[in-house]
Amino acid sequence: MSFDDLLVELQGQRTVQEDPNNVPLEKLFNESFMSKHSGFNSFGAFVEKGNFQIQTQEDVHNIPDELFDRHVARETDFSDWKSMLETANKEYEGS
């Protein structure tokens, strides 16, 4: 195997592997999950309704808990962000 072939193979593996502790929000809160637990079809629409700018889970950590918990409680069938995140993780792992 040439160096170029090895490099291509390694790059391919890196893009395929996902960090299991950092699932992208759009996969975790997919259309099915959001439709089931809220009046929204996407996580993007849900956060847009609350005027939040969220792309990553790190962005969520930067929002004051009480603000995001209130939005979650108002717009979903969860009482707070933690319970929404835990349920999403369980459903994602079970799929």
PDB file of N, CA and C in Angstrom:
ATOM      1  N   MET A   1       0.848  -1.173   0.000  1.00  0.00           N
ATOM      2  CA  MET A   1       0.000   0.000   0.000  1.00  0.00           C
ATOM      3  C   MET A   1       0.895   1.237   0.000  1.00  0.00           C
ATOM      4  N   SER A   2       0.580   2.161  -0.890  1.00  0.00           N
ATOM      5  CA  SER A   2       1.377   3.383  -0.968  1.00  0.00           C
ATOM      6  C   SER A   2       0.996   4.327   0.172  1.00  0.00           C
ATOM      7  N   PHE A   3       1.837   5.298   0.373  1.00  0.00           N
ATOM      8  CA  PHE A   3       1.571   6.288   1.415  1.00  0.00           C
ATOM      9  C   PHE A   3       0.270   7.028   1.130  1.00  0.00           C
ATOM     10  N   ASP A   4       0.057   7.370  -0.154  1.00  0.00           N
ATOM     11  CA  ASP A   4      -1.173   8.083  -0.516  1.00  0.00           C
ATOM     12  C   ASP A   4      -2.416   7.244  -0.219  1.00  0.00           C
ATOM     13  N   ASP A   5      -2.350   5.933  -0.522  1.00  0.00           N
ATOM     14  CA  ASP A   5      -3.478   5.048  -0.228  1.00  0.00           C
ATOM     15  C   ASP A   5      -3.733   4.973   1.269  1.00  0.00           C
ATOM     16  N   LEU A   6      -2.671   4.879   2.040  1.00  0.00           N
ATOM     17  CA  LEU A   6      -2.786   4.819   3.493  1.00  0.00           C
ATOM     18  C   LEU A   6      -3.398   6.114   4.033  1.00  0.00           C
ATOM     19  N   LEU A   7      -2.963   7.238   3.505  1.00  0.00           N
ATOM     20  CA  LEU A   7      -3.482   8.534   3.935  1.00  0.00           C
ATOM     21  C   LEU A   7      -4.987   8.640   3.640  1.00  0.00           C
ATOM     22  N   VAL A   8      -5.392   8.217   2.452  1.00  0.00           N
ATOM     23  CA  VAL A   8      -6.808   8.246   2.080  1.00  0.00           C
ATOM     24  C   VAL A   8      -7.619   7.342   3.011  1.00  0.00           C
ATOM     25  N   GLU A   9      -7.095   6.169   3.295  1.00  0.00           N
ATOM     26  CA  GLU A   9      -7.796   5.230   4.172  1.00  0.00           C
ATOM     27  C   GLU A   9      -7.942   5.801   5.580  1.00  0.00           C
ATOM     28  N   LEU A  10      -6.878   6.385   6.099  1.00  0.00           N
ATOM     29  CA  LEU A  10      -6.932   6.973   7.442  1.00  0.00           C
ATOM     30  C   LEU A  10      -7.896   8.154   7.493  1.00  0.00           C
ATOM     31  N   GLN A  11      -7.900   8.971   6.470  1.00  0.00           N
ATOM     32  CA  GLN A  11      -8.829  10.102   6.435  1.00  0.00           C
ATOM     33  C   GLN A  11     -10.266   9.602   6.379  1.00  0.00           C
ATOM     34  N   GLY A  12     -10.500   8.559   5.627  1.00  0.00           N
ATOM     35  CA  GLY A  12     -11.834   7.980   5.546  1.00  0.00           C
ATOM     36  C   GLY A  12     -12.300   7.452   6.882  1.00  0.00           C
ATOM     37  N   GLN A  13     -11.414   6.795   7.616  1.00  0.00           N
ATOM     38  CA  GLN A  13     -11.774   6.274   8.932  1.00  0.00           C
ATOM     39  C   GLN A  13     -12.080   7.401   9.906  1.00  0.00           C
ATOM     40  N   ARG A  14     -11.328   8.466   9.798  1.00  0.00           N
ATOM     41  CA  ARG A  14     -11.531   9.579  10.713  1.00  0.00           C
ATOM     42  C   ARG A  14     -12.897  10.222  10.481  1.00  0.00           C
ATOM     43  N   THR A  15     -13.334  10.299   9.235  1.00  0.00           N
ATOM     44  CA  THR A  15     -14.622  10.925   8.971  1.00  0.00           C
ATOM     45  C   THR A  15     -15.780   9.997   9.317  1.00  0.00           C
ATOM     46  N   VAL A  16     -15.573   8.692   9.263  1.00  0.00           N
ATOM     47  CA  VAL A  16     -16.635   7.742   9.568  1.00  0.00           C
ATOM     48  C   VAL A  16     -16.847   7.617  11.067  1.00  0.00           C
ATOM     49  N   GLN A  17     -15.774   7.629  11.826  1.00  0.00           N
ATOM     50  CA  GLN A  17     -15.877   7.457  13.270  1.00  0.00           C
ATOM     51  C   GLN A  17     -16.478   8.702  13.905  1.00  0.00           C
ATOM     52  N   GLU A  18     -17.402   8.475  14.823  1.00  0.00           N
ATOM     53  CA  GLU A  18     -17.986   9.577  15.569  1.00  0.00           C
ATOM     54  C   GLU A  18     -17.661   9.395  17.034  1.00  0.00           C
ATOM     55  N   ASP A  19     -17.495  10.493  17.699  1.00  0.00           N
ATOM     56  CA  ASP A  19     -17.298  10.453  19.147  1.00  0.00           C
ATOM     57  C   ASP A  19     -18.638  10.099  19.777  1.00  0.00           C
ATOM     58  N   PRO A  20     -18.746   8.933  20.418  1.00  0.00           N
ATOM     59  CA  PRO A  20     -20.036   8.520  20.973  1.00  0.00           C
ATOM     60  C   PRO A  20     -20.531   9.430  22.085  1.00  0.00           C
ATOM     61  N   ASN A  21     -19.645  10.212  22.675  1.00  0.00           N
ATOM     62  CA  ASN A  21     -20.048  11.132  23.734  1.00  0.00           C
ATOM     63  C   ASN A  21     -20.442  12.501  23.190  1.00  0.00           C
ATOM     64  N   ASN A  22     -20.310  12.686  21.892  1.00  0.00           N
ATOM     65  CA  ASN A  22     -20.630  13.988  21.303  1.00  0.00           C
ATOM     66  C   ASN A  22     -21.384  13.781  19.997  1.00  0.00           C
ATOM     67  N   VAL A  23     -22.591  13.256  20.096  1.00  0.00           N
ATOM     68  CA  VAL A  23     -23.427  13.016  18.929  1.00  0.00           C
ATOM     69  C   VAL A  23     -23.920  14.368  18.428  1.00  0.00           C
ATOM     70  N   PRO A  24     -23.867  14.613  17.111  1.00  0.00           N
ATOM     71  CA  PRO A  24     -24.371  15.888  16.582  1.00  0.00           C
ATOM     72  C   PRO A  24     -25.832  16.105  16.980  1.00  0.00           C
ATOM     73  N   LEU A  25     -26.162  17.342  17.310  1.00  0.00           N
ATOM     74  CA  LEU A  25     -27.512  17.661  17.774  1.00  0.00           C
ATOM     75  C   LEU A  25     -28.586  17.268  16.769  1.00  0.00           C
ATOM     76  N   GLU A  26     -28.306  17.441  15.477  1.00  0.00           N
ATOM     77  CA  GLU A  26     -29.320  17.114  14.474  1.00  0.00           C
ATOM     78  C   GLU A  26     -29.604  15.615  14.399  1.00  0.00           C
ATOM     79  N   LYS A  27     -28.656  14.790  14.824  1.00  0.00           N
ATOM     80  CA  LYS A  27     -28.899  13.341  14.892  1.00  0.00           C
ATOM     81  C   LYS A  27     -29.606  12.981  16.187  1.00  0.00           C
ATOM     82  N   LEU A  28     -29.188  13.596  17.267  1.00  0.00           N
ATOM     83  CA  LEU A  28     -29.766  13.316  18.573  1.00  0.00           C
ATOM     84  C   LEU A  28     -31.225  13.766  18.630  1.00  0.00           C
ATOM     85  N   PHE A  29     -31.478  14.966  18.152  1.00  0.00           N
ATOM     86  CA  PHE A  29     -32.831  15.529  18.145  1.00  0.00           C
ATOM     87  C   PHE A  29     -33.351  15.534  16.710  1.00  0.00           C
ATOM     88  N   ASN A  30     -33.503  14.343  16.157  1.00  0.00           N
ATOM     89  CA  ASN A  30     -33.942  14.222  14.761  1.00  0.00           C
ATOM     90  C   ASN A  30     -35.424  14.564  14.635  1.00  0.00           C
ATOM     91  N   GLU A  31     -35.907  14.555  13.400  1.00  0.00           N
ATOM     92  CA  GLU A  31     -37.290  14.940  13.127  1.00  0.00           C
ATOM     93  C   GLU A  31     -38.287  14.084  13.896  1.00  0.00           C
ATOM     94  N   SER A  32     -38.030  12.791  13.964  1.00  0.00           N
ATOM     95  CA  SER A  32     -38.920  11.880  14.664  1.00  0.00           C
ATOM     96  C   SER A  32     -39.005  12.235  16.152  1.00  0.00           C
ATOM     97  N   PHE A  33     -37.858  12.463  16.777  1.00  0.00           N
ATOM     98  CA  PHE A  33     -37.822  12.809  18.196  1.00  0.00           C
ATOM     99  C   PHE A  33     -38.548  14.128  18.442  1.00  0.00           C
ATOM    100  N   MET A  34     -38.242  15.130  17.646  1.00  0.00           N
ATOM    101  CA  MET A  34     -38.830  16.447  17.863  1.00  0.00           C
ATOM    102  C   MET A  34     -40.339  16.434  17.627  1.00  0.00           C
ATOM    103  N   SER A  35     -40.788  15.719  16.614  1.00  0.00           N
ATOM    104  CA  SER A  35     -42.229  15.632  16.339  1.00  0.00           C
ATOM    105  C   SER A  35     -42.960  14.916  17.470  1.00  0.00           C
ATOM    106  N   LYS A  36     -42.313  13.913  18.033  1.00  0.00           N
ATOM    107  CA  LYS A  36     -42.913  13.118  19.109  1.00  0.00           C
ATOM    108  C   LYS A  36     -43.033  13.904  20.413  1.00  0.00           C
ATOM    109  N   HIS A  37     -42.045  14.751  20.702  1.00  0.00           N
ATOM    110  CA  HIS A  37     -41.976  15.404  22.004  1.00  0.00           C
ATOM    111  C   HIS A  37     -42.246  16.914  21.988  1.00  0.00           C
ATOM    112  N   SER A  38     -42.513  17.471  20.810  1.00  0.00           N
ATOM    113  CA  SER A  38     -42.760  18.917  20.735  1.00  0.00           C
ATOM    114  C   SER A  38     -43.635  19.212  19.518  1.00  0.00           C
ATOM    115  N   GLY A  39     -43.912  20.471  19.318  1.00  0.00           N
ATOM    116  CA  GLY A  39     -44.679  20.882  18.145  1.00  0.00           C
ATOM    117  C   GLY A  39     -43.779  21.258  16.977  1.00  0.00           C
ATOM    118  N   PHE A  40     -42.521  20.860  17.041  1.00  0.00           N
ATOM    119  CA  PHE A  40     -41.543  21.222  16.010  1.00  0.00           C
ATOM    120  C   PHE A  40     -41.068  19.988  15.255  1.00  0.00           C
ATOM    121  N   ASN A  41     -40.646  20.199  14.004  1.00  0.00           N
ATOM    122  CA  ASN A  41     -40.105  19.109  13.197  1.00  0.00           C
ATOM    123  C   ASN A  41     -38.589  19.043  13.260  1.00  0.00           C
ATOM    124  N   SER A  42     -37.963  20.069  13.824  1.00  0.00           N
ATOM    125  CA  SER A  42     -36.503  20.073  13.882  1.00  0.00           C
ATOM    126  C   SER A  42     -36.025  20.785  15.138  1.00  0.00           C
ATOM    127  N   PHE A  43     -34.819  20.421  15.559  1.00  0.00           N
ATOM    128  CA  PHE A  43     -34.203  21.078  16.700  1.00  0.00           C
ATOM    129  C   PHE A  43     -33.924  22.538  16.365  1.00  0.00           C
ATOM    130  N   GLY A  44     -33.574  22.792  15.106  1.00  0.00           N
ATOM    131  CA  GLY A  44     -33.306  24.166  14.662  1.00  0.00           C
ATOM    132  C   GLY A  44     -34.521  25.063  14.837  1.00  0.00           C
ATOM    133  N   ALA A  45     -35.693  24.574  14.458  1.00  0.00           N
ATOM    134  CA  ALA A  45     -36.923  25.359  14.616  1.00  0.00           C
ATOM    135  C   ALA A  45     -37.236  25.580  16.090  1.00  0.00           C
ATOM    136  N   PHE A  46     -36.978  24.572  16.897  1.00  0.00           N
ATOM    137  CA  PHE A  46     -37.207  24.665  18.339  1.00  0.00           C
ATOM    138  C   PHE A  46     -36.351  25.762  18.972  1.00  0.00           C
ATOM    139  N   VAL A  47     -35.059  25.772  18.667  1.00  0.00           N
ATOM    140  CA  VAL A  47     -34.188  26.786  19.274  1.00  0.00           C
ATOM    141  C   VAL A  47     -34.432  28.161  18.673  1.00  0.00           C
ATOM    142  N   GLU A  48     -34.815  28.196  17.402  1.00  0.00           N
ATOM    143  CA  GLU A  48     -35.109  29.471  16.752  1.00  0.00           C
ATOM    144  C   GLU A  48     -36.300  30.149  17.435  1.00  0.00           C
ATOM    145  N   LYS A  49     -37.297  29.359  17.803  1.00  0.00           N
ATOM    146  CA  LYS A  49     -38.477  29.889  18.503  1.00  0.00           C
ATOM    147  C   LYS A  49     -38.079  30.572  19.804  1.00  0.00           C
ATOM    148  N   GLY A  50     -37.048  30.071  20.467  1.00  0.00           N
ATOM    149  CA  GLY A  50     -36.572  30.668  21.711  1.00  0.00           C
ATOM    150  C   GLY A  50     -35.513  31.737  21.509  1.00  0.00           C
ATOM    151  N   ASN A  51     -35.224  32.067  20.249  1.00  0.00           N
ATOM    152  CA  ASN A  51     -34.190  33.053  19.905  1.00  0.00           C
ATOM    153  C   ASN A  51     -32.811  32.671  20.421  1.00  0.00           C
ATOM    154  N   PHE A  52     -32.518  31.357  20.379  1.00  0.00           N
ATOM    155  CA  PHE A  52     -31.203  30.871  20.778  1.00  0.00           C
ATOM    156  C   PHE A  52     -30.382  30.563  19.531  1.00  0.00           C
ATOM    157  N   GLN A  53     -29.075  30.746  19.633  1.00  0.00           N
ATOM    158  CA  GLN A  53     -28.142  30.392  18.564  1.00  0.00           C
ATOM    159  C   GLN A  53     -27.379  29.154  19.018  1.00  0.00           C
ATOM    160  N   ILE A  54     -27.786  27.972  18.521  1.00  0.00           N
ATOM    161  CA  ILE A  54     -27.175  26.724  18.967  1.00  0.00           C
ATOM    162  C   ILE A  54     -26.765  25.882  17.769  1.00  0.00           C
ATOM    163  N   GLN A  55     -25.492  25.525  17.727  1.00  0.00           N
ATOM    164  CA  GLN A  55     -24.969  24.624  16.703  1.00  0.00           C
ATOM    165  C   GLN A  55     -24.402  23.353  17.334  1.00  0.00           C
ATOM    166  N   THR A  56     -23.883  23.476  18.549  1.00  0.00           N
ATOM    167  CA  THR A  56     -23.241  22.350  19.224  1.00  0.00           C
ATOM    168  C   THR A  56     -23.751  22.247  20.654  1.00  0.00           C
ATOM    169  N   GLN A  57     -23.465  21.122  21.307  1.00  0.00           N
ATOM    170  CA  GLN A  57     -23.854  20.974  22.701  1.00  0.00           C
ATOM    171  C   GLN A  57     -23.123  21.983  23.582  1.00  0.00           C
ATOM    172  N   GLU A  58     -21.939  22.391  23.159  1.00  0.00           N
ATOM    173  CA  GLU A  58     -21.195  23.416  23.902  1.00  0.00           C
ATOM    174  C   GLU A  58     -21.977  24.730  23.918  1.00  0.00           C
ATOM    175  N   ASP A  59     -22.643  25.058  22.808  1.00  0.00           N
ATOM    176  CA  ASP A  59     -23.464  26.270  22.748  1.00  0.00           C
ATOM    177  C   ASP A  59     -24.578  26.214  23.794  1.00  0.00           C
ATOM    178  N   VAL A  60     -25.144  25.037  23.999  1.00  0.00           N
ATOM    179  CA  VAL A  60     -26.204  24.872  24.988  1.00  0.00           C
ATOM    180  C   VAL A  60     -25.666  25.174  26.385  1.00  0.00           C
ATOM    181  N   HIS A  61     -24.444  24.737  26.662  1.00  0.00           N
ATOM    182  CA  HIS A  61     -23.838  24.968  27.980  1.00  0.00           C
ATOM    183  C   HIS A  61     -23.636  26.457  28.258  1.00  0.00           C
ATOM    184  N   ASN A  62     -23.547  27.255  27.196  1.00  0.00           N
ATOM    185  CA  ASN A  62     -23.318  28.685  27.361  1.00  0.00           C
ATOM    186  C   ASN A  62     -24.601  29.470  27.639  1.00  0.00           C
ATOM    187  N   ILE A  63     -25.746  28.822  27.535  1.00  0.00           N
ATOM    188  CA  ILE A  63     -27.026  29.468  27.822  1.00  0.00           C
ATOM    189  C   ILE A  63     -27.331  29.268  29.307  1.00  0.00           C
ATOM    190  N   PRO A  64     -27.778  30.320  29.988  1.00  0.00           N
ATOM    191  CA  PRO A  64     -28.155  30.133  31.401  1.00  0.00           C
ATOM    192  C   PRO A  64     -29.208  29.025  31.530  1.00  0.00           C
ATOM    193  N   ASP A  65     -28.973  28.106  32.452  1.00  0.00           N
ATOM    194  CA  ASP A  65     -29.847  26.944  32.624  1.00  0.00           C
ATOM    195  C   ASP A  65     -31.314  27.317  32.745  1.00  0.00           C
ATOM    196  N   GLU A  66     -31.605  28.324  33.548  1.00  0.00           N
ATOM    197  CA  GLU A  66     -33.006  28.664  33.785  1.00  0.00           C
ATOM    198  C   GLU A  66     -33.718  29.116  32.515  1.00  0.00           C
ATOM    199  N   LEU A  67     -33.008  29.820  31.630  1.00  0.00           N
ATOM    200  CA  LEU A  67     -33.627  30.266  30.379  1.00  0.00           C
ATOM    201  C   LEU A  67     -33.953  29.088  29.472  1.00  0.00           C
ATOM    202  N   PHE A  68     -32.991  28.197  29.319  1.00  0.00           N
ATOM    203  CA  PHE A  68     -33.204  27.073  28.404  1.00  0.00           C
ATOM    204  C   PHE A  68     -34.191  26.071  29.000  1.00  0.00           C
ATOM    205  N   ASP A  69     -34.118  25.846  30.307  1.00  0.00           N
ATOM    206  CA  ASP A  69     -35.077  24.951  30.965  1.00  0.00           C
ATOM    207  C   ASP A  69     -36.505  25.472  30.789  1.00  0.00           C
ATOM    208  N   ARG A  70     -36.684  26.768  30.907  1.00  0.00           N
ATOM    209  CA  ARG A  70     -38.018  27.365  30.741  1.00  0.00           C
ATOM    210  C   ARG A  70     -38.522  27.163  29.314  1.00  0.00           C
ATOM    211  N   HIS A  71     -37.636  27.337  28.340  1.00  0.00           N
ATOM    212  CA  HIS A  71     -38.005  27.137  26.931  1.00  0.00           C
ATOM    213  C   HIS A  71     -38.375  25.675  26.685  1.00  0.00           C
ATOM    214  N   VAL A  72     -37.576  24.762  27.210  1.00  0.00           N
ATOM    215  CA  VAL A  72     -37.848  23.327  27.068  1.00  0.00           C
ATOM    216  C   VAL A  72     -39.198  22.988  27.694  1.00  0.00           C
ATOM    217  N   ALA A  73     -39.443  23.477  28.909  1.00  0.00           N
ATOM    218  CA  ALA A  73     -40.699  23.175  29.612  1.00  0.00           C
ATOM    219  C   ALA A  73     -41.906  23.745  28.862  1.00  0.00           C
ATOM    220  N   ARG A  74     -41.745  24.903  28.255  1.00  0.00           N
ATOM    221  CA  ARG A  74     -42.847  25.554  27.552  1.00  0.00           C
ATOM    222  C   ARG A  74     -43.136  24.911  26.191  1.00  0.00           C
ATOM    223  N   GLU A  75     -42.100  24.472  25.499  1.00  0.00           N
ATOM    224  CA  GLU A  75     -42.259  24.045  24.107  1.00  0.00           C
ATOM    225  C   GLU A  75     -42.207  22.539  23.877  1.00  0.00           C
ATOM    226  N   THR A  76     -41.874  21.757  24.911  1.00  0.00           N
ATOM    227  CA  THR A  76     -41.782  20.303  24.752  1.00  0.00           C
ATOM    228  C   THR A  76     -42.552  19.624  25.885  1.00  0.00           C
ATOM    229  N   ASP A  77     -42.565  18.310  25.877  1.00  0.00           N
ATOM    230  CA  ASP A  77     -43.203  17.597  26.986  1.00  0.00           C
ATOM    231  C   ASP A  77     -42.195  17.208  28.070  1.00  0.00           C
ATOM    232  N   PHE A  78     -41.064  17.894  28.105  1.00  0.00           N
ATOM    233  CA  PHE A  78     -40.050  17.686  29.141  1.00  0.00           C
ATOM    234  C   PHE A  78     -40.075  18.853  30.114  1.00  0.00           C
ATOM    235  N   SER A  79     -39.684  18.586  31.352  1.00  0.00           N
ATOM    236  CA  SER A  79     -39.679  19.640  32.362  1.00  0.00           C
ATOM    237  C   SER A  79     -38.414  20.493  32.316  1.00  0.00           C
ATOM    238  N   ASP A  80     -37.323  19.927  31.753  1.00  0.00           N
ATOM    239  CA  ASP A  80     -36.076  20.681  31.671  1.00  0.00           C
ATOM    240  C   ASP A  80     -35.156  20.081  30.608  1.00  0.00           C
ATOM    241  N   TRP A  81     -34.060  20.791  30.330  1.00  0.00           N
ATOM    242  CA  TRP A  81     -33.115  20.374  29.301  1.00  0.00           C
ATOM    243  C   TRP A  81     -32.479  19.028  29.624  1.00  0.00           C
ATOM    244  N   LYS A  82     -32.138  18.820  30.892  1.00  0.00           N
ATOM    245  CA  LYS A  82     -31.470  17.579  31.279  1.00  0.00           C
ATOM    246  C   LYS A  82     -32.335  16.367  30.939  1.00  0.00           C
ATOM    247  N   SER A  83     -33.610  16.412  31.253  1.00  0.00           N
ATOM    248  CA  SER A  83     -34.481  15.274  30.961  1.00  0.00           C
ATOM    249  C   SER A  83     -34.674  15.101  29.452  1.00  0.00           C
ATOM    250  N   MET A  84     -34.719  16.193  28.707  1.00  0.00           N
ATOM    251  CA  MET A  84     -34.838  16.110  27.247  1.00  0.00           C
ATOM    252  C   MET A  84     -33.591  15.455  26.644  1.00  0.00           C
ATOM    253  N   LEU A  85     -32.428  15.878  27.113  1.00  0.00           N
ATOM    254  CA  LEU A  85     -31.161  15.348  26.622  1.00  0.00           C
ATOM    255  C   LEU A  85     -31.012  13.867  26.978  1.00  0.00           C
ATOM    256  N   GLU A  86     -31.362  13.498  28.207  1.00  0.00           N
ATOM    257  CA  GLU A  86     -31.258  12.101  28.620  1.00  0.00           C
ATOM    258  C   GLU A  86     -32.165  11.201  27.785  1.00  0.00           C
ATOM    259  N   THR A  87     -33.379  11.633  27.537  1.00  0.00           N
ATOM    260  CA  THR A  87     -34.310  10.841  26.729  1.00  0.00           C
ATOM    261  C   THR A  87     -33.812  10.724  25.295  1.00  0.00           C
ATOM    262  N   ALA A  88     -33.302  11.802  24.743  1.00  0.00           N
ATOM    263  CA  ALA A  88     -32.772  11.772  23.384  1.00  0.00           C
ATOM    264  C   ALA A  88     -31.596  10.807  23.278  1.00  0.00           C
ATOM    265  N   ASN A  89     -30.718  10.825  24.264  1.00  0.00           N
ATOM    266  CA  ASN A  89     -29.573   9.915  24.262  1.00  0.00           C
ATOM    267  C   ASN A  89     -30.033   8.456  24.342  1.00  0.00           C
ATOM    268  N   LYS A  90     -31.017   8.173  25.203  1.00  0.00           N
ATOM    269  CA  LYS A  90     -31.524   6.809  25.329  1.00  0.00           C
ATOM    270  C   LYS A  90     -32.158   6.331  24.025  1.00  0.00           C
ATOM    271  N   GLU A  91     -32.953   7.197  23.409  1.00  0.00           N
ATOM    272  CA  GLU A  91     -33.609   6.812  22.159  1.00  0.00           C
ATOM    273  C   GLU A  91     -32.597   6.647  21.033  1.00  0.00           C
ATOM    274  N   TYR A  92     -31.574   7.490  21.012  1.00  0.00           N
ATOM    275  CA  TYR A  92     -30.545   7.403  19.975  1.00  0.00           C
ATOM    276  C   TYR A  92     -29.741   6.103  20.125  1.00  0.00           C
ATOM    277  N   GLU A  93     -29.377   5.777  21.358  1.00  0.00           N
ATOM    278  CA  GLU A  93     -28.605   4.549  21.612  1.00  0.00           C
ATOM    279  C   GLU A  93     -29.432   3.306  21.311  1.00  0.00           C
ATOM    280  N   GLY A  94     -30.739   3.394  21.478  1.00  0.00           N
ATOM    281  CA  GLY A  94     -31.607   2.260  21.234  1.00  0.00           C
ATOM    282  C   GLY A  94     -31.949   2.049  19.770  1.00  0.00           C
ATOM    283  N   SER A  95     -31.605   3.016  18.932  1.00  0.00           N
ATOM    284  CA  SER A  95     -31.947   2.871  17.503  1.00  0.00           C
ATOM    285  C   SER A  95     -30.890   2.144  16.722  1.00  0.00           C
TER     286      SER A  95
END
